[in-house]
Amino acid sequence: MSSGNHSRVLAIGIDAAEPTLVRQLIEQNKMPALKALLNSGQWLSVKSPAPIGSGAVWPTFITGLEPTTHGVYSEWSWQPGAMGLNRYHGRHLIPFWKEQAQQNIRIGTFDVPFAPPVGVSEGFEISEWWAHDSTGSGLQGGPNEILSLVRSSPAHPLSANRFVNATPNSQNDLKALSAACVEGVRLRGKLAKTLIEQTNPRLSLIVFPEVHHAGHQMWHTVAPHHQIYNGRKLKVAEPLLNDIYAAVDRQIGTLLES
């Protein structure tokens, strides 16, 4: 994207979405927004920079650099001099959109995992309104009026971390977690739509981390016989995880329409 044209780009991140489940839900017409995008576009595969773990994926996307260059492999970084670990903070990373912003291209980013704010003067950048992978820095962003708007908006239902200890057989907790994720997705989409309409960025990058959070505790609701469960008898009343994928699809459709 150069400063010489007037194209607008909307990029959506569905953090840790499982591609076979996405394709299945598209074929079942349960993700119509993504189905429409697929019908007019392409489905391409991207190889992870790390075969085990996911800590390197977003920093690689953010910077365009290999893990051996940016040095991030997990939420904790090894410090050989101190022979210990430090919590990842991301302040040494330079997101690719910083250069775009410096070229007076208006940028909007919302909860890109592991991405530190770069200090945009136009557009918007919001970090950790609610994040599955948190740097521990809390809500950050700008410009100031945008940060004030976000702070005055309804909080994400998972902000209090009420469902950390949900287990596969605690149906009440899982249903509450699913409902909180669905509502969080709705609030995120609504807030993203407001930010885009108010600032009119050339590039908007909106990430939905709720799928990642729910997937850790709800995968058995869509694949109860997966080998990872080793024959455990799990009480599965309904595919709760599907509801969260469908909620993200609804918000993608709304953002596309706006």
C-alpha atoms as a PDB file:
ATOM      1  CA  MET A   1       0.000   0.000   0.000  1.00  0.00           C
ATOM      2  CA  SER A   2       1.537   3.287  -1.081  1.00  0.00           C
ATOM      3  CA  SER A   3       0.566   6.825  -0.193  1.00  0.00           C
ATOM      4  CA  GLY A   4      -0.141   7.540  -3.852  1.00  0.00           C
ATOM      5  CA  ASN A   5      -3.344   5.522  -4.234  1.00  0.00           C
ATOM      6  CA  HIS A   6      -6.654   5.622  -2.417  1.00  0.00           C
ATOM      7  CA  SER A   7      -7.316   1.927  -1.771  1.00  0.00           C
ATOM      8  CA  ARG A   8      -8.717   0.851   1.586  1.00  0.00           C
ATOM      9  CA  VAL A   9      -7.842  -2.482   3.141  1.00  0.00           C
ATOM     10  CA  LEU A  10      -9.713  -4.354   5.858  1.00  0.00           C
ATOM     11  CA  ALA A  11      -7.676  -7.223   7.330  1.00  0.00           C
ATOM     12  CA  ILE A  12      -9.274  -9.595   9.835  1.00  0.00           C
ATOM     13  CA  GLY A  13      -7.344 -11.914  12.123  1.00  0.00           C
ATOM     14  CA  ILE A  14      -9.139 -14.903  13.655  1.00  0.00           C
ATOM     15  CA  ASP A  15      -6.509 -15.881  16.177  1.00  0.00           C
ATOM     16  CA  ALA A  16      -5.798 -19.642  16.342  1.00  0.00           C
ATOM     17  CA  ALA A  17      -8.820 -20.528  14.182  1.00  0.00           C
ATOM     18  CA  GLU A  18      -8.621 -24.181  13.140  1.00  0.00           C
ATOM     19  CA  PRO A  19      -8.751 -24.274   9.302  1.00  0.00           C
ATOM     20  CA  THR A  20     -10.497 -27.636   8.901  1.00  0.00           C
ATOM     21  CA  LEU A  21     -13.296 -26.471  11.208  1.00  0.00           C
ATOM     22  CA  VAL A  22     -13.546 -23.159   9.320  1.00  0.00           C
ATOM     23  CA  ARG A  23     -13.900 -25.030   6.012  1.00  0.00           C
ATOM     24  CA  GLN A  24     -16.492 -27.341   7.540  1.00  0.00           C
ATOM     25  CA  LEU A  25     -18.576 -24.430   8.842  1.00  0.00           C
ATOM     26  CA  ILE A  26     -18.294 -22.634   5.485  1.00  0.00           C
ATOM     27  CA  GLU A  27     -19.560 -25.753   3.689  1.00  0.00           C
ATOM     28  CA  GLN A  28     -22.438 -25.957   6.186  1.00  0.00           C
ATOM     29  CA  ASN A  29     -23.301 -22.287   5.456  1.00  0.00           C
ATOM     30  CA  LYS A  30     -22.614 -21.391   9.092  1.00  0.00           C
ATOM     31  CA  MET A  31     -19.964 -18.806   8.161  1.00  0.00           C
ATOM     32  CA  PRO A  32     -21.631 -16.974   5.239  1.00  0.00           C
ATOM     33  CA  ALA A  33     -19.356 -13.921   5.342  1.00  0.00           C
ATOM     34  CA  LEU A  34     -16.227 -16.025   4.957  1.00  0.00           C
ATOM     35  CA  LYS A  35     -17.985 -18.137   2.342  1.00  0.00           C
ATOM     36  CA  ALA A  36     -18.673 -15.022   0.273  1.00  0.00           C
ATOM     37  CA  LEU A  37     -15.051 -13.936   0.608  1.00  0.00           C
ATOM     38  CA  LEU A  38     -13.856 -17.390  -0.411  1.00  0.00           C
ATOM     39  CA  ASN A  39     -16.147 -17.432  -3.450  1.00  0.00           C
ATOM     40  CA  SER A  40     -14.577 -14.213  -4.713  1.00  0.00           C
ATOM     41  CA  GLY A  41     -11.027 -14.846  -3.498  1.00  0.00           C
ATOM     42  CA  GLN A  42      -8.554 -17.578  -2.665  1.00  0.00           C
ATOM     43  CA  TRP A  43      -7.737 -19.931   0.196  1.00  0.00           C
ATOM     44  CA  LEU A  44      -3.980 -20.123   0.710  1.00  0.00           C
ATOM     45  CA  SER A  45      -1.885 -21.955   3.280  1.00  0.00           C
ATOM     46  CA  VAL A  46       0.883 -20.329   5.301  1.00  0.00           C
ATOM     47  CA  LYS A  47       3.535 -22.422   7.034  1.00  0.00           C
ATOM     48  CA  SER A  48       4.159 -21.604  10.674  1.00  0.00           C
ATOM     49  CA  PRO A  49       7.690 -20.395  11.477  1.00  0.00           C
ATOM     50  CA  ALA A  50       7.704 -22.750  14.493  1.00  0.00           C
ATOM     51  CA  PRO A  51       6.516 -26.390  14.358  1.00  0.00           C
ATOM     52  CA  ILE A  52       5.903 -26.480  18.129  1.00  0.00           C
ATOM     53  CA  GLY A  53       4.153 -23.684  19.968  1.00  0.00           C
ATOM     54  CA  SER A  54       2.700 -20.492  18.529  1.00  0.00           C
ATOM     55  CA  GLY A  55       4.644 -17.708  20.221  1.00  0.00           C
ATOM     56  CA  ALA A  56       6.671 -16.881  17.105  1.00  0.00           C
ATOM     57  CA  VAL A  57       3.749 -16.601  14.674  1.00  0.00           C
ATOM     58  CA  TRP A  58       2.358 -13.138  15.433  1.00  0.00           C
ATOM     59  CA  PRO A  59       5.769 -11.465  15.917  1.00  0.00           C
ATOM     60  CA  THR A  60       6.781 -12.890  12.533  1.00  0.00           C
ATOM     61  CA  PHE A  61       3.622 -11.474  10.945  1.00  0.00           C
ATOM     62  CA  ILE A  62       4.040  -8.123  12.695  1.00  0.00           C
ATOM     63  CA  THR A  63       7.641  -7.575  11.643  1.00  0.00           C
ATOM     64  CA  GLY A  64       8.005  -9.640   8.458  1.00  0.00           C
ATOM     65  CA  LEU A  65      11.139 -11.144  10.018  1.00  0.00           C
ATOM     66  CA  GLU A  66      12.052 -14.732  10.847  1.00  0.00           C
ATOM     67  CA  PRO A  67      12.084 -15.809  14.520  1.00  0.00           C
ATOM     68  CA  THR A  68      15.870 -16.092  14.424  1.00  0.00           C
ATOM     69  CA  THR A  69      15.925 -12.351  13.685  1.00  0.00           C
ATOM     70  CA  HIS A  70      13.159 -10.965  15.912  1.00  0.00           C
ATOM     71  CA  GLY A  71      14.009 -13.429  18.698  1.00  0.00           C
ATOM     72  CA  VAL A  72      10.499 -14.087  20.033  1.00  0.00           C
ATOM     73  CA  TYR A  73       9.453 -17.699  20.529  1.00  0.00           C
ATOM     74  CA  SER A  74       7.013 -17.498  23.421  1.00  0.00           C
ATOM     75  CA  GLU A  75       5.542 -15.162  26.017  1.00  0.00           C
ATOM     76  CA  TRP A  76       8.748 -15.604  28.014  1.00  0.00           C
ATOM     77  CA  SER A  77      12.201 -14.669  26.696  1.00  0.00           C
ATOM     78  CA  TRP A  78      15.399 -16.350  27.790  1.00  0.00           C
ATOM     79  CA  GLN A  79      18.032 -13.949  29.099  1.00  0.00           C
ATOM     80  CA  PRO A  80      21.369 -15.793  28.938  1.00  0.00           C
ATOM     81  CA  GLY A  81      23.241 -13.110  30.858  1.00  0.00           C
ATOM     82  CA  ALA A  82      20.921 -13.430  33.833  1.00  0.00           C
ATOM     83  CA  MET A  83      20.235 -17.158  33.284  1.00  0.00           C
ATOM     84  CA  GLY A  84      16.516 -16.468  33.644  1.00  0.00           C
ATOM     85  CA  LEU A  85      13.281 -15.532  31.908  1.00  0.00           C
ATOM     86  CA  ASN A  86      11.709 -12.153  31.241  1.00  0.00           C
ATOM     87  CA  ARG A  87       8.091 -11.547  30.303  1.00  0.00           C
ATOM     88  CA  TYR A  88       7.749 -10.592  26.652  1.00  0.00           C
ATOM     89  CA  HIS A  89       6.900  -6.916  26.176  1.00  0.00           C
ATOM     90  CA  GLY A  90       7.418  -6.419  22.424  1.00  0.00           C
ATOM     91  CA  ARG A  91       8.953  -2.984  22.698  1.00  0.00           C
ATOM     92  CA  HIS A  92      11.885  -4.007  20.502  1.00  0.00           C
ATOM     93  CA  LEU A  93       9.593  -5.068  17.628  1.00  0.00           C
ATOM     94  CA  ILE A  94       8.843  -2.675  14.773  1.00  0.00           C
ATOM     95  CA  PRO A  95       5.463  -3.482  13.164  1.00  0.00           C
ATOM     96  CA  PHE A  96       5.328  -3.123   9.390  1.00  0.00           C
ATOM     97  CA  TRP A  97       2.547  -0.545   9.668  1.00  0.00           C
ATOM     98  CA  LYS A  98       4.796   1.910  11.525  1.00  0.00           C
ATOM     99  CA  GLU A  99       6.508   2.773   8.237  1.00  0.00           C
ATOM    100  CA  GLN A 100       3.098   3.188   6.596  1.00  0.00           C
ATOM    101  CA  ALA A 101       1.988   5.553   9.370  1.00  0.00           C
ATOM    102  CA  GLN A 102       5.182   7.585   8.948  1.00  0.00           C
ATOM    103  CA  GLN A 103       4.253   7.965   5.267  1.00  0.00           C
ATOM    104  CA  ASN A 104       0.989   9.647   6.362  1.00  0.00           C
ATOM    105  CA  ILE A 105      -1.071   6.556   5.596  1.00  0.00           C
ATOM    106  CA  ARG A 106      -3.812   6.377   8.196  1.00  0.00           C
ATOM    107  CA  ILE A 107      -3.674   3.081  10.076  1.00  0.00           C
ATOM    108  CA  GLY A 108      -6.115   1.336  12.414  1.00  0.00           C
ATOM    109  CA  THR A 109      -5.117  -1.691  14.528  1.00  0.00           C
ATOM    110  CA  PHE A 110      -7.143  -3.457  17.183  1.00  0.00           C
ATOM    111  CA  ASP A 111      -5.684  -6.103  19.522  1.00  0.00           C
ATOM    112  CA  VAL A 112      -3.032  -7.548  17.230  1.00  0.00           C
ATOM    113  CA  PRO A 113      -1.399 -10.155  19.522  1.00  0.00           C
ATOM    114  CA  PHE A 114       2.069  -9.231  20.790  1.00  0.00           C
ATOM    115  CA  ALA A 115       1.999  -5.901  18.886  1.00  0.00           C
ATOM    116  CA  PRO A 116       3.100  -2.812  20.819  1.00  0.00           C
ATOM    117  CA  PRO A 117       1.556   0.603  20.011  1.00  0.00           C
ATOM    118  CA  VAL A 118       3.704   2.636  17.617  1.00  0.00           C
ATOM    119  CA  GLY A 119       2.258   6.062  18.492  1.00  0.00           C
ATOM    120  CA  VAL A 120      -0.005   6.930  15.559  1.00  0.00           C
ATOM    121  CA  SER A 121      -1.293  10.489  15.426  1.00  0.00           C
ATOM    122  CA  GLU A 122      -4.227   9.622  13.130  1.00  0.00           C
ATOM    123  CA  GLY A 123      -6.369   6.555  12.746  1.00  0.00           C
ATOM    124  CA  PHE A 124      -6.372   4.305  15.803  1.00  0.00           C
ATOM    125  CA  GLU A 125      -4.349   1.662  17.602  1.00  0.00           C
ATOM    126  CA  ILE A 126      -5.725  -0.337  20.500  1.00  0.00           C
ATOM    127  CA  SER A 127      -3.705  -2.949  22.346  1.00  0.00           C
ATOM    128  CA  GLU A 128      -5.085  -5.392  24.926  1.00  0.00           C
ATOM    129  CA  TRP A 129      -8.666  -4.154  25.166  1.00  0.00           C
ATOM    130  CA  TRP A 130      -8.924  -7.848  25.818  1.00  0.00           C
ATOM    131  CA  ALA A 131      -6.246 -10.315  24.770  1.00  0.00           C
ATOM    132  CA  HIS A 132      -5.738 -14.045  25.133  1.00  0.00           C
ATOM    133  CA  ASP A 133      -1.970 -13.540  24.836  1.00  0.00           C
ATOM    134  CA  SER A 134      -1.218 -10.582  27.077  1.00  0.00           C
ATOM    135  CA  THR A 135       2.054  -8.749  27.607  1.00  0.00           C
ATOM    136  CA  GLY A 136       0.804  -7.656  30.992  1.00  0.00           C
ATOM    137  CA  SER A 137       0.868  -4.008  29.920  1.00  0.00           C
ATOM    138  CA  GLY A 138      -2.892  -3.576  30.020  1.00  0.00           C
ATOM    139  CA  LEU A 139      -4.960  -1.376  27.742  1.00  0.00           C
ATOM    140  CA  GLN A 140      -2.811   0.928  25.602  1.00  0.00           C
ATOM    141  CA  GLY A 141      -3.425   2.900  22.443  1.00  0.00           C
ATOM    142  CA  GLY A 142      -3.994   6.208  20.814  1.00  0.00           C
ATOM    143  CA  PRO A 143      -4.534   8.901  19.839  1.00  0.00           C
ATOM    144  CA  ASN A 144      -5.775  10.099  23.237  1.00  0.00           C
ATOM    145  CA  GLU A 145      -9.356  10.730  22.127  1.00  0.00           C
ATOM    146  CA  ILE A 146      -9.563   7.201  20.730  1.00  0.00           C
ATOM    147  CA  LEU A 147      -8.214   5.704  23.934  1.00  0.00           C
ATOM    148  CA  SER A 148     -10.791   7.713  25.896  1.00  0.00           C
ATOM    149  CA  LEU A 149     -13.567   6.411  23.643  1.00  0.00           C
ATOM    150  CA  VAL A 150     -12.461   2.817  24.192  1.00  0.00           C
ATOM    151  CA  ARG A 151     -12.200   3.268  27.950  1.00  0.00           C
ATOM    152  CA  SER A 152     -15.741   4.642  28.077  1.00  0.00           C
ATOM    153  CA  SER A 153     -17.101   1.713  26.046  1.00  0.00           C
ATOM    154  CA  PRO A 154     -18.452  -1.489  27.638  1.00  0.00           C
ATOM    155  CA  ALA A 155     -15.689  -3.780  28.904  1.00  0.00           C
ATOM    156  CA  HIS A 156     -15.089  -7.219  27.440  1.00  0.00           C
ATOM    157  CA  PRO A 157     -17.011  -9.859  29.447  1.00  0.00           C
ATOM    158  CA  LEU A 158     -13.790 -11.827  29.965  1.00  0.00           C
ATOM    159  CA  SER A 159     -11.898  -8.895  31.439  1.00  0.00           C
ATOM    160  CA  ALA A 160     -12.285 -10.309  34.944  1.00  0.00           C
ATOM    161  CA  ASN A 161     -10.900 -13.744  33.883  1.00  0.00           C
ATOM    162  CA  ARG A 162     -13.883 -15.457  35.427  1.00  0.00           C
ATOM    163  CA  PHE A 163     -13.618 -18.658  33.403  1.00  0.00           C
ATOM    164  CA  VAL A 164      -9.942 -19.526  33.668  1.00  0.00           C
ATOM    165  CA  ASN A 165     -10.661 -22.794  35.492  1.00  0.00           C
ATOM    166  CA  ALA A 166     -13.437 -24.076  33.217  1.00  0.00           C
ATOM    167  CA  THR A 167     -13.004 -27.799  32.524  1.00  0.00           C
ATOM    168  CA  PRO A 168     -14.407 -30.018  29.725  1.00  0.00           C
ATOM    169  CA  ASN A 169     -17.076 -31.516  32.001  1.00  0.00           C
ATOM    170  CA  SER A 170     -18.209 -28.314  33.727  1.00  0.00           C
ATOM    171  CA  GLN A 171     -21.123 -27.615  31.414  1.00  0.00           C
ATOM    172  CA  ASN A 172     -22.289 -24.531  33.284  1.00  0.00           C
ATOM    173  CA  ASP A 173     -18.867 -22.907  33.094  1.00  0.00           C
ATOM    174  CA  LEU A 174     -18.446 -23.830  29.436  1.00  0.00           C
ATOM    175  CA  LYS A 175     -21.812 -22.384  28.501  1.00  0.00           C
ATOM    176  CA  ALA A 176     -20.998 -19.211  30.427  1.00  0.00           C
ATOM    177  CA  LEU A 177     -17.591 -19.028  28.748  1.00  0.00           C
ATOM    178  CA  SER A 178     -19.162 -19.498  25.324  1.00  0.00           C
ATOM    179  CA  ALA A 179     -21.730 -16.772  26.003  1.00  0.00           C
ATOM    180  CA  ALA A 180     -19.010 -14.406  27.246  1.00  0.00           C
ATOM    181  CA  CYS A 181     -16.913 -15.035  24.138  1.00  0.00           C
ATOM    182  CA  VAL A 182     -19.885 -14.503  21.822  1.00  0.00           C
ATOM    183  CA  GLU A 183     -20.750 -11.241  23.592  1.00  0.00           C
ATOM    184  CA  GLY A 184     -17.106 -10.198  23.546  1.00  0.00           C
ATOM    185  CA  VAL A 185     -16.971 -10.803  19.793  1.00  0.00           C
ATOM    186  CA  ARG A 186     -20.114  -8.695  19.338  1.00  0.00           C
ATOM    187  CA  LEU A 187     -18.728  -5.827  21.420  1.00  0.00           C
ATOM    188  CA  ARG A 188     -15.379  -6.031  19.617  1.00  0.00           C
ATOM    189  CA  GLY A 189     -17.056  -5.852  16.214  1.00  0.00           C
ATOM    190  CA  LYS A 190     -19.239  -2.938  17.291  1.00  0.00           C
ATOM    191  CA  LEU A 191     -16.253  -1.028  18.698  1.00  0.00           C
ATOM    192  CA  ALA A 192     -14.131  -1.760  15.615  1.00  0.00           C
ATOM    193  CA  LYS A 193     -16.925  -0.480  13.368  1.00  0.00           C
ATOM    194  CA  THR A 194     -17.116   2.745  15.390  1.00  0.00           C
ATOM    195  CA  LEU A 195     -13.349   3.259  15.254  1.00  0.00           C
ATOM    196  CA  ILE A 196     -13.228   2.693  11.498  1.00  0.00           C
ATOM    197  CA  GLU A 197     -16.160   5.017  10.832  1.00  0.00           C
ATOM    198  CA  GLN A 198     -14.720   7.781  13.019  1.00  0.00           C
ATOM    199  CA  THR A 199     -11.137   7.665  11.729  1.00  0.00           C
ATOM    200  CA  ASN A 200     -11.484   6.315   8.158  1.00  0.00           C
ATOM    201  CA  PRO A 201      -8.133   4.460   8.038  1.00  0.00           C
ATOM    202  CA  ARG A 202      -6.597   3.219   4.800  1.00  0.00           C
ATOM    203  CA  LEU A 203      -5.556  -0.014   6.523  1.00  0.00           C
ATOM    204  CA  SER A 204      -7.668  -1.536   9.296  1.00  0.00           C
ATOM    205  CA  LEU A 205      -6.325  -4.638  11.046  1.00  0.00           C
ATOM    206  CA  ILE A 206      -8.840  -6.146  13.471  1.00  0.00           C
ATOM    207  CA  VAL A 207      -8.094  -9.339  15.414  1.00  0.00           C
ATOM    208  CA  PHE A 208     -10.573 -11.595  17.222  1.00  0.00           C
ATOM    209  CA  PRO A 209      -8.714 -13.545  19.966  1.00  0.00           C
ATOM    210  CA  GLU A 210     -11.863 -15.071  21.501  1.00  0.00           C
ATOM    211  CA  VAL A 211     -11.604 -18.146  19.248  1.00  0.00           C
ATOM    212  CA  HIS A 212      -8.103 -18.819  20.600  1.00  0.00           C
ATOM    213  CA  HIS A 213      -9.211 -18.516  24.209  1.00  0.00           C
ATOM    214  CA  ALA A 214     -12.265 -20.732  23.802  1.00  0.00           C
ATOM    215  CA  GLY A 215     -10.478 -23.332  21.684  1.00  0.00           C
ATOM    216  CA  HIS A 216      -8.241 -24.355  24.576  1.00  0.00           C
ATOM    217  CA  GLN A 217     -11.206 -25.366  26.701  1.00  0.00           C
ATOM    218  CA  MET A 218     -13.868 -26.237  24.121  1.00  0.00           C
ATOM    219  CA  TRP A 219     -12.243 -28.240  21.340  1.00  0.00           C
ATOM    220  CA  HIS A 220     -13.966 -31.367  22.657  1.00  0.00           C
ATOM    221  CA  THR A 221     -17.352 -29.790  21.826  1.00  0.00           C
ATOM    222  CA  VAL A 222     -16.573 -30.208  18.108  1.00  0.00           C
ATOM    223  CA  ALA A 223     -14.197 -33.197  18.227  1.00  0.00           C
ATOM    224  CA  PRO A 224     -15.042 -35.269  21.336  1.00  0.00           C
ATOM    225  CA  HIS A 225     -13.421 -38.402  19.888  1.00  0.00           C
ATOM    226  CA  HIS A 226     -10.080 -36.808  19.049  1.00  0.00           C
ATOM    227  CA  GLN A 227      -7.120 -38.907  20.178  1.00  0.00           C
ATOM    228  CA  ILE A 228      -5.941 -36.152  22.493  1.00  0.00           C
ATOM    229  CA  TYR A 229      -8.776 -37.036  24.882  1.00  0.00           C
ATOM    230  CA  ASN A 230      -7.594 -40.670  25.152  1.00  0.00           C
ATOM    231  CA  GLY A 231     -11.069 -42.158  25.335  1.00  0.00           C
ATOM    232  CA  ARG A 232     -12.257 -39.918  28.171  1.00  0.00           C
ATOM    233  CA  LYS A 233     -16.011 -39.801  28.565  1.00  0.00           C
ATOM    234  CA  LEU A 234     -16.810 -36.146  28.062  1.00  0.00           C
ATOM    235  CA  LYS A 235     -20.220 -34.586  28.569  1.00  0.00           C
ATOM    236  CA  VAL A 236     -20.883 -32.709  25.362  1.00  0.00           C
ATOM    237  CA  ALA A 237     -24.311 -31.139  25.170  1.00  0.00           C
ATOM    238  CA  GLU A 238     -23.721 -29.027  22.060  1.00  0.00           C
ATOM    239  CA  PRO A 239     -20.869 -27.747  19.866  1.00  0.00           C
ATOM    240  CA  LEU A 240     -20.324 -24.539  21.831  1.00  0.00           C
ATOM    241  CA  LEU A 241     -17.147 -23.620  19.959  1.00  0.00           C
ATOM    242  CA  ASN A 242     -19.101 -23.383  16.705  1.00  0.00           C
ATOM    243  CA  ASP A 243     -21.169 -20.562  18.195  1.00  0.00           C
ATOM    244  CA  ILE A 244     -18.051 -18.442  18.690  1.00  0.00           C
ATOM    245  CA  TYR A 245     -16.812 -19.050  15.137  1.00  0.00           C
ATOM    246  CA  ALA A 246     -20.257 -18.086  13.842  1.00  0.00           C
ATOM    247  CA  ALA A 247     -20.254 -14.931  15.998  1.00  0.00           C
ATOM    248  CA  VAL A 248     -16.922 -13.859  14.479  1.00  0.00           C
ATOM    249  CA  ASP A 249     -18.319 -14.457  10.998  1.00  0.00           C
ATOM    250  CA  ARG A 250     -21.304 -12.197  11.762  1.00  0.00           C
ATOM    251  CA  GLN A 251     -18.991  -9.381  12.805  1.00  0.00           C
ATOM    252  CA  ILE A 252     -16.846  -9.845   9.719  1.00  0.00           C
ATOM    253  CA  GLY A 253     -19.981  -9.459   7.631  1.00  0.00           C
ATOM    254  CA  THR A 254     -20.953  -6.289   9.484  1.00  0.00           C
ATOM    255  CA  LEU A 255     -17.486  -4.784   9.076  1.00  0.00           C
ATOM    256  CA  LEU A 256     -17.469  -5.591   5.371  1.00  0.00           C
ATOM    257  CA  GLU A 257     -20.872  -3.959   4.904  1.00  0.00           C
ATOM    258  CA  SER A 258     -19.773  -0.804   6.722  1.00  0.00           C
END
